PDB file of N, CA and C in Angstrom:
ATOM      1  N   MET A   1       6.587 -11.948 -20.703  1.00  0.00           N
ATOM      2  CA  MET A   1       7.202 -11.061 -22.061  1.00  0.00           C
ATOM      3  C   MET A   1       8.216 -11.159 -22.662  1.00  0.00           C
ATOM      4  N   GLU A   2       8.715 -11.306 -23.803  1.00  0.00           N
ATOM      5  CA  GLU A   2       9.632 -11.483 -24.950  1.00  0.00           C
ATOM      6  C   GLU A   2       9.695 -10.723 -25.807  1.00  0.00           C
ATOM      7  N   GLN A   3      11.118 -10.427 -26.251  1.00  0.00           N
ATOM      8  CA  GLN A   3      11.792  -9.395 -26.923  1.00  0.00           C
ATOM      9  C   GLN A   3      11.348 -10.311 -28.962  1.00  0.00           C
ATOM     10  N   VAL A   4      10.304  -9.430 -29.198  1.00  0.00           N
ATOM     11  CA  VAL A   4      10.126 -10.185 -30.040  1.00  0.00           C
ATOM     12  C   VAL A   4      11.331  -9.517 -31.630  1.00  0.00           C
ATOM     13  N   ASP A   5      11.684  -8.969 -31.654  1.00  0.00           N
ATOM     14  CA  ASP A   5      12.920  -8.517 -32.424  1.00  0.00           C
ATOM     15  C   ASP A   5      13.442  -6.968 -32.182  1.00  0.00           C
ATOM     16  N   ALA A   6      14.297  -6.221 -32.482  1.00  0.00           N
ATOM     17  CA  ALA A   6      15.450  -5.234 -31.825  1.00  0.00           C
ATOM     18  C   ALA A   6      14.421  -4.162 -31.640  1.00  0.00           C
ATOM     19  N   GLU A   7      13.279  -3.896 -31.892  1.00  0.00           N
ATOM     20  CA  GLU A   7      12.560  -2.997 -31.330  1.00  0.00           C
ATOM     21  C   GLU A   7      10.754  -2.898 -31.120  1.00  0.00           C
ATOM     22  N   ARG A   8      10.402  -4.499 -30.958  1.00  0.00           N
ATOM     23  CA  ARG A   8       9.147  -4.647 -30.705  1.00  0.00           C
ATOM     24  C   ARG A   8       8.955  -5.920 -29.493  1.00  0.00           C
ATOM     25  N   TYR A   9       8.401  -6.017 -28.577  1.00  0.00           N
ATOM     26  CA  TYR A   9       8.282  -6.737 -27.224  1.00  0.00           C
ATOM     27  C   TYR A   9       6.521  -7.167 -27.148  1.00  0.00           C
ATOM     28  N   ARG A  10       6.899  -8.185 -26.579  1.00  0.00           N
ATOM     29  CA  ARG A  10       4.965  -8.532 -26.675  1.00  0.00           C
ATOM     30  C   ARG A  10       4.922  -9.536 -25.521  1.00  0.00           C
ATOM     31  N   ILE A  11       3.899  -8.520 -24.426  1.00  0.00           N
ATOM     32  CA  ILE A  11       3.349  -9.033 -23.764  1.00  0.00           C
ATOM     33  C   ILE A  11       1.840 -10.142 -23.995  1.00  0.00           C
ATOM     34  N   TRP A  12       2.245 -11.004 -22.964  1.00  0.00           N
ATOM     35  CA  TRP A  12       0.605 -11.674 -23.106  1.00  0.00           C
ATOM     36  C   TRP A  12       0.529 -13.024 -21.739  1.00  0.00           C
ATOM     37  N   THR A  13      -0.972 -12.649 -21.610  1.00  0.00           N
ATOM     38  CA  THR A  13      -1.718 -13.386 -20.903  1.00  0.00           C
ATOM     39  C   THR A  13      -2.504 -14.705 -21.351  1.00  0.00           C
ATOM     40  N   GLY A  14      -3.490 -15.453 -20.692  1.00  0.00           N
ATOM     41  CA  GLY A  14      -4.057 -16.414 -21.041  1.00  0.00           C
ATOM     42  C   GLY A  14      -4.810 -15.847 -22.372  1.00  0.00           C
ATOM     43  N   ARG A  15      -5.668 -14.581 -21.999  1.00  0.00           N
ATOM     44  CA  ARG A  15      -6.733 -13.911 -22.808  1.00  0.00           C
ATOM     45  C   ARG A  15      -6.339 -13.330 -24.153  1.00  0.00           C
ATOM     46  N   ARG A  16      -5.049 -12.345 -24.193  1.00  0.00           N
ATOM     47  CA  ARG A  16      -4.772 -11.451 -24.172  1.00  0.00           C
ATOM     48  C   ARG A  16      -3.149 -11.024 -24.613  1.00  0.00           C
ATOM     49  N   GLU A  17      -2.506 -10.517 -25.710  1.00  0.00           N
ATOM     50  CA  GLU A  17      -1.376 -10.237 -26.251  1.00  0.00           C
ATOM     51  C   GLU A  17      -1.200  -8.731 -27.034  1.00  0.00           C
ATOM     52  N   TRP A  18      -0.499  -8.163 -26.196  1.00  0.00           N
ATOM     53  CA  TRP A  18       0.169  -7.015 -26.969  1.00  0.00           C
ATOM     54  C   TRP A  18       1.636  -7.505 -27.357  1.00  0.00           C
ATOM     55  N   ILE A  19       1.370  -6.346 -29.121  1.00  0.00           N
ATOM     56  CA  ILE A  19       2.892  -6.154 -28.989  1.00  0.00           C
ATOM     57  C   ILE A  19       2.876  -4.575 -29.170  1.00  0.00           C
ATOM     58  N   PHE A  20       4.424  -4.106 -28.775  1.00  0.00           N
ATOM     59  CA  PHE A  20       4.748  -2.692 -28.873  1.00  0.00           C
ATOM     60  C   PHE A  20       6.106  -2.632 -28.692  1.00  0.00           C
ATOM     61  N   PRO A  21       5.783  -0.786 -29.875  1.00  0.00           N
ATOM     62  CA  PRO A  21       7.803  -0.851 -30.487  1.00  0.00           C
ATOM     63  C   PRO A  21       7.960  -0.149 -29.459  1.00  0.00           C
ATOM     64  N   ALA A  22       9.315  -0.733 -28.607  1.00  0.00           N
ATOM     65  CA  ALA A  22      10.103  -0.474 -27.521  1.00  0.00           C
ATOM     66  C   ALA A  22      11.769  -1.065 -27.684  1.00  0.00           C
ATOM     67  N   ARG A  23      12.664   0.197 -27.377  1.00  0.00           N
ATOM     68  CA  ARG A  23      14.138  -0.371 -27.502  1.00  0.00           C
ATOM     69  C   ARG A  23      14.479  -1.267 -26.153  1.00  0.00           C
ATOM     70  N   SER A  24      13.627  -0.504 -25.507  1.00  0.00           N
ATOM     71  CA  SER A  24      13.629  -1.742 -23.975  1.00  0.00           C
ATOM     72  C   SER A  24      12.410  -1.660 -23.165  1.00  0.00           C
ATOM     73  N   ALA A  25      12.550  -2.598 -22.209  1.00  0.00           N
ATOM     74  CA  ALA A  25      11.075  -2.641 -21.456  1.00  0.00           C
ATOM     75  C   ALA A  25      11.862  -3.686 -19.923  1.00  0.00           C
ATOM     76  N   HIS A  26      10.633  -2.833 -19.130  1.00  0.00           N
ATOM     77  CA  HIS A  26      10.563  -3.818 -17.709  1.00  0.00           C
ATOM     78  C   HIS A  26       9.324  -4.005 -18.044  1.00  0.00           C
ATOM     79  N   LEU A  27       9.650  -5.247 -17.027  1.00  0.00           N
ATOM     80  CA  LEU A  27       8.055  -5.435 -16.197  1.00  0.00           C
ATOM     81  C   LEU A  27       8.070  -6.007 -14.236  1.00  0.00           C
ATOM     82  N   HIS A  28       7.179  -5.293 -14.530  1.00  0.00           N
ATOM     83  CA  HIS A  28       7.343  -5.258 -12.616  1.00  0.00           C
ATOM     84  C   HIS A  28       5.583  -6.165 -12.161  1.00  0.00           C
ATOM     85  N   ARG A  29       5.959  -7.069 -11.428  1.00  0.00           N
ATOM     86  CA  ARG A  29       5.003  -7.845 -11.020  1.00  0.00           C
ATOM     87  C   ARG A  29       4.499  -7.661  -9.802  1.00  0.00           C
ATOM     88  N   GLU A  30       3.734  -8.073  -9.245  1.00  0.00           N
ATOM     89  CA  GLU A  30       2.906  -7.753  -7.857  1.00  0.00           C
ATOM     90  C   GLU A  30       3.505  -8.823  -7.021  1.00  0.00           C
ATOM     91  N   VAL A  31       4.198  -8.499  -5.796  1.00  0.00           N
ATOM     92  CA  VAL A  31       4.555  -9.434  -5.118  1.00  0.00           C
ATOM     93  C   VAL A  31       4.154  -8.591  -3.811  1.00  0.00           C
ATOM     94  N   SER A  32       3.227  -8.286  -3.642  1.00  0.00           N
ATOM     95  CA  SER A  32       2.700  -7.807  -1.832  1.00  0.00           C
ATOM     96  C   SER A  32       1.848  -8.763  -0.969  1.00  0.00           C
ATOM     97  N   THR A  33       1.670  -9.491  -2.159  1.00  0.00           N
ATOM     98  CA  THR A  33       1.204 -10.904  -1.414  1.00  0.00           C
ATOM     99  C   THR A  33       2.447 -12.178  -1.009  1.00  0.00           C
ATOM    100  N   THR A  34       3.277 -12.039  -1.910  1.00  0.00           N
ATOM    101  CA  THR A  34       4.518 -12.773  -1.196  1.00  0.00           C
ATOM    102  C   THR A  34       5.283 -12.141   0.073  1.00  0.00           C
ATOM    103  N   PHE A  35       5.004 -10.645  -0.368  1.00  0.00           N
ATOM    104  CA  PHE A  35       5.749  -9.978   0.537  1.00  0.00           C
ATOM    105  C   PHE A  35       5.343 -10.676   1.904  1.00  0.00           C
ATOM    106  N   TYR A  36       3.851 -10.098   2.033  1.00  0.00           N
ATOM    107  CA  TYR A  36       3.456 -10.008   3.338  1.00  0.00           C
ATOM    108  C   TYR A  36       3.015 -11.610   3.990  1.00  0.00           C
ATOM    109  N   ARG A  37       3.234 -12.142   3.553  1.00  0.00           N
ATOM    110  CA  ARG A  37       2.967 -13.740   3.719  1.00  0.00           C
ATOM    111  C   ARG A  37       4.470 -14.109   4.014  1.00  0.00           C
ATOM    112  N   ALA A  38       5.147 -13.522   3.811  1.00  0.00           N
ATOM    113  CA  ALA A  38       6.837 -14.660   4.088  1.00  0.00           C
ATOM    114  C   ALA A  38       6.935 -13.665   5.910  1.00  0.00           C
ATOM    115  N   ILE A  39       6.567 -12.445   5.997  1.00  0.00           N
ATOM    116  CA  ILE A  39       6.678 -11.724   7.406  1.00  0.00           C
ATOM    117  C   ILE A  39       5.535 -11.376   8.008  1.00  0.00           C
ATOM    118  N   THR A  40       6.185 -11.973   9.316  1.00  0.00           N
ATOM    119  CA  THR A  40       4.708 -12.284  10.338  1.00  0.00           C
ATOM    120  C   THR A  40       4.685 -10.717  10.923  1.00  0.00           C
ATOM    121  N   PRO A  41       3.018 -10.603  11.167  1.00  0.00           N
ATOM    122  CA  PRO A  41       2.548  -9.305  11.912  1.00  0.00           C
ATOM    123  C   PRO A  41       2.685  -9.038  13.198  1.00  0.00           C
ATOM    124  N   ARG A  42       3.247  -7.686  13.328  1.00  0.00           N
ATOM    125  CA  ARG A  42       4.374  -8.297  14.536  1.00  0.00           C
ATOM    126  C   ARG A  42       2.967  -7.014  16.063  1.00  0.00           C
ATOM    127  N   VAL A  43       2.804  -7.837  16.906  1.00  0.00           N
ATOM    128  CA  VAL A  43       1.482  -7.399  17.578  1.00  0.00           C
ATOM    129  C   VAL A  43       1.876  -5.885  18.594  1.00  0.00           C
ATOM    130  N   VAL A  44       0.475  -5.174  17.889  1.00  0.00           N
ATOM    131  CA  VAL A  44       0.677  -4.152  19.105  1.00  0.00           C
ATOM    132  C   VAL A  44       0.073  -4.401  19.758  1.00  0.00           C
ATOM    133  N   PRO A  45       0.885  -3.178  21.048  1.00  0.00           N
ATOM    134  CA  PRO A  45       0.998  -3.582  22.446  1.00  0.00           C
ATOM    135  C   PRO A  45      -0.618  -2.920  23.088  1.00  0.00           C
ATOM    136  N   TRP A  46      -1.272  -3.304  23.928  1.00  0.00           N
ATOM    137  CA  TRP A  46      -2.823  -2.764  24.119  1.00  0.00           C
ATOM    138  C   TRP A  46      -2.493  -1.522  24.893  1.00  0.00           C
ATOM    139  N   SER A  47      -1.612  -0.856  25.288  1.00  0.00           N
ATOM    140  CA  SER A  47      -1.481   0.666  25.869  1.00  0.00           C
ATOM    141  C   SER A  47      -1.515   1.547  24.291  1.00  0.00           C
ATOM    142  N   LYS A  48      -0.959   1.102  23.121  1.00  0.00           N
ATOM    143  CA  LYS A  48      -1.252   1.653  22.043  1.00  0.00           C
ATOM    144  C   LYS A  48      -2.493   1.363  21.551  1.00  0.00           C
ATOM    145  N   ARG A  49      -2.688   0.190  21.181  1.00  0.00           N
ATOM    146  CA  ARG A  49      -4.043   0.068  20.491  1.00  0.00           C
ATOM    147  C   ARG A  49      -5.089   1.217  22.144  1.00  0.00           C
ATOM    148  N   VAL A  50      -5.503   1.235  23.168  1.00  0.00           N
ATOM    149  CA  VAL A  50      -6.332   1.570  23.867  1.00  0.00           C
ATOM    150  C   VAL A  50      -5.936   3.378  23.090  1.00  0.00           C
ATOM    151  N   PHE A  51      -4.619   4.222  23.631  1.00  0.00           N
ATOM    152  CA  PHE A  51      -4.160   5.159  23.223  1.00  0.00           C
ATOM    153  C   PHE A  51      -4.930   5.459  21.890  1.00  0.00           C
ATOM    154  N   TRP A  52      -4.982   4.757  20.682  1.00  0.00           N
ATOM    155  CA  TRP A  52      -5.255   5.283  19.635  1.00  0.00           C
ATOM    156  C   TRP A  52      -6.869   5.442  19.701  1.00  0.00           C
ATOM    157  N   ARG A  53      -7.219   4.374  20.463  1.00  0.00           N
ATOM    158  CA  ARG A  53      -9.169   4.185  20.569  1.00  0.00           C
ATOM    159  C   ARG A  53      -9.305   5.558  20.767  1.00  0.00           C
ATOM    160  N   VAL A  54      -8.662   6.049  22.256  1.00  0.00           N
ATOM    161  CA  VAL A  54      -9.072   7.051  22.949  1.00  0.00           C
ATOM    162  C   VAL A  54      -9.113   8.496  21.666  1.00  0.00           C
ATOM    163  N   VAL A  55      -7.903   8.812  21.534  1.00  0.00           N
ATOM    164  CA  VAL A  55      -7.408   9.566  21.002  1.00  0.00           C
ATOM    165  C   VAL A  55      -8.483   9.946  19.816  1.00  0.00           C
ATOM    166  N   LEU A  56      -8.313   8.905  18.950  1.00  0.00           N
ATOM    167  CA  LEU A  56      -9.333   8.558  17.216  1.00  0.00           C
ATOM    168  C   LEU A  56     -11.083   8.813  18.052  1.00  0.00           C
ATOM    169  N   GLY A  57     -11.587   8.554  18.953  1.00  0.00           N
ATOM    170  CA  GLY A  57     -12.865   8.053  19.398  1.00  0.00           C
ATOM    171  C   GLY A  57     -12.632  10.138  20.031  1.00  0.00           C
ATOM    172  N   LEU A  58     -12.010  10.751  20.830  1.00  0.00           N
ATOM    173  CA  LEU A  58     -12.096  11.605  20.425  1.00  0.00           C
ATOM    174  C   LEU A  58     -12.152  12.959  19.744  1.00  0.00           C
ATOM    175  N   ALA A  59     -11.425  12.687  18.628  1.00  0.00           N
ATOM    176  CA  ALA A  59     -11.555  13.543  17.200  1.00  0.00           C
ATOM    177  C   ALA A  59     -12.261  12.924  16.689  1.00  0.00           C
ATOM    178  N   SER A  60     -13.413  12.620  17.043  1.00  0.00           N
ATOM    179  CA  SER A  60     -14.996  12.187  16.362  1.00  0.00           C
ATOM    180  C   SER A  60     -15.371  13.028  16.858  1.00  0.00           C
ATOM    181  N   ASN A  61     -15.995  13.944  17.629  1.00  0.00           N
ATOM    182  CA  ASN A  61     -16.664  15.096  17.784  1.00  0.00           C
ATOM    183  C   ASN A  61     -16.054  16.127  18.023  1.00  0.00           C
ATOM    184  N   ARG A  62     -16.736  16.857  18.662  1.00  0.00           N
ATOM    185  CA  ARG A  62     -16.780  18.824  18.600  1.00  0.00           C
ATOM    186  C   ARG A  62     -15.933  18.807  19.846  1.00  0.00           C
ATOM    187  N   LEU A  63     -16.693  18.059  20.783  1.00  0.00           N
ATOM    188  CA  LEU A  63     -15.961  18.369  22.069  1.00  0.00           C
ATOM    189  C   LEU A  63     -14.666  17.773  22.014  1.00  0.00           C
ATOM    190  N   GLY A  64     -14.765  16.383  22.005  1.00  0.00           N
ATOM    191  CA  GLY A  64     -13.561  15.757  21.771  1.00  0.00           C
ATOM    192  C   GLY A  64     -12.455  16.407  20.873  1.00  0.00           C
ATOM    193  N   LYS A  65     -12.577  17.354  19.832  1.00  0.00           N
ATOM    194  CA  LYS A  65     -11.647  17.951  19.334  1.00  0.00           C
ATOM    195  C   LYS A  65     -10.960  18.878  20.115  1.00  0.00           C
ATOM    196  N   ARG A  66     -11.704  19.783  20.944  1.00  0.00           N
ATOM    197  CA  ARG A  66     -11.448  21.396  21.653  1.00  0.00           C
ATOM    198  C   ARG A  66     -10.990  20.359  22.528  1.00  0.00           C
ATOM    199  N   LEU A  67     -11.168  19.627  22.978  1.00  0.00           N
ATOM    200  CA  LEU A  67     -10.384  19.027  24.726  1.00  0.00           C
ATOM    201  C   LEU A  67      -9.118  18.650  23.729  1.00  0.00           C
ATOM    202  N   LEU A  68      -8.991  18.123  23.034  1.00  0.00           N
ATOM    203  CA  LEU A  68      -7.410  17.494  22.463  1.00  0.00           C
ATOM    204  C   LEU A  68      -6.921  18.773  22.148  1.00  0.00           C
ATOM    205  N   LEU A  69      -7.208  19.499  21.516  1.00  0.00           N
ATOM    206  CA  LEU A  69      -6.473  20.924  21.307  1.00  0.00           C
ATOM    207  C   LEU A  69      -5.897  21.652  22.316  1.00  0.00           C
ATOM    208  N   ALA A  70      -6.829  21.621  23.150  1.00  0.00           N
ATOM    209  CA  ALA A  70      -6.602  22.138  24.902  1.00  0.00           C
ATOM    210  C   ALA A  70      -5.193  21.848  25.066  1.00  0.00           C
ATOM    211  N   LEU A  71      -5.386  20.466  25.037  1.00  0.00           N
ATOM    212  CA  LEU A  71      -3.939  19.525  25.524  1.00  0.00           C
ATOM    213  C   LEU A  71      -2.536  20.035  24.986  1.00  0.00           C
ATOM    214  N   LEU A  72      -3.010  20.237  23.570  1.00  0.00           N
ATOM    215  CA  LEU A  72      -1.690  20.574  22.621  1.00  0.00           C
ATOM    216  C   LEU A  72      -1.674  21.916  22.581  1.00  0.00           C
ATOM    217  N   GLY A  73      -2.006  22.357  23.262  1.00  0.00           N
ATOM    218  CA  GLY A  73      -1.552  24.145  23.847  1.00  0.00           C
ATOM    219  C   GLY A  73      -2.521  25.321  22.842  1.00  0.00           C
ATOM    220  N   ARG A  74      -3.182  24.582  21.871  1.00  0.00           N
ATOM    221  CA  ARG A  74      -3.304  25.388  20.957  1.00  0.00           C
ATOM    222  C   ARG A  74      -4.884  26.392  21.307  1.00  0.00           C
TER     223      ARG A  74
END
């Protein structure tokens, strides 16, 4: 992105170009790939994996939902 004059900016890619009127402009870039590459993923404890697998498995059917609601006291 570059400022063409006091009230116009130009944004260009390899194939396209846009010139638009503006007093100021902010360009945001996608940084999630770089961000997640820099941070190592946290290992989830096996007990938490088992817990969520059981809860989601119960919630996937009618009888399991009733059991979960009974355990919650509702």
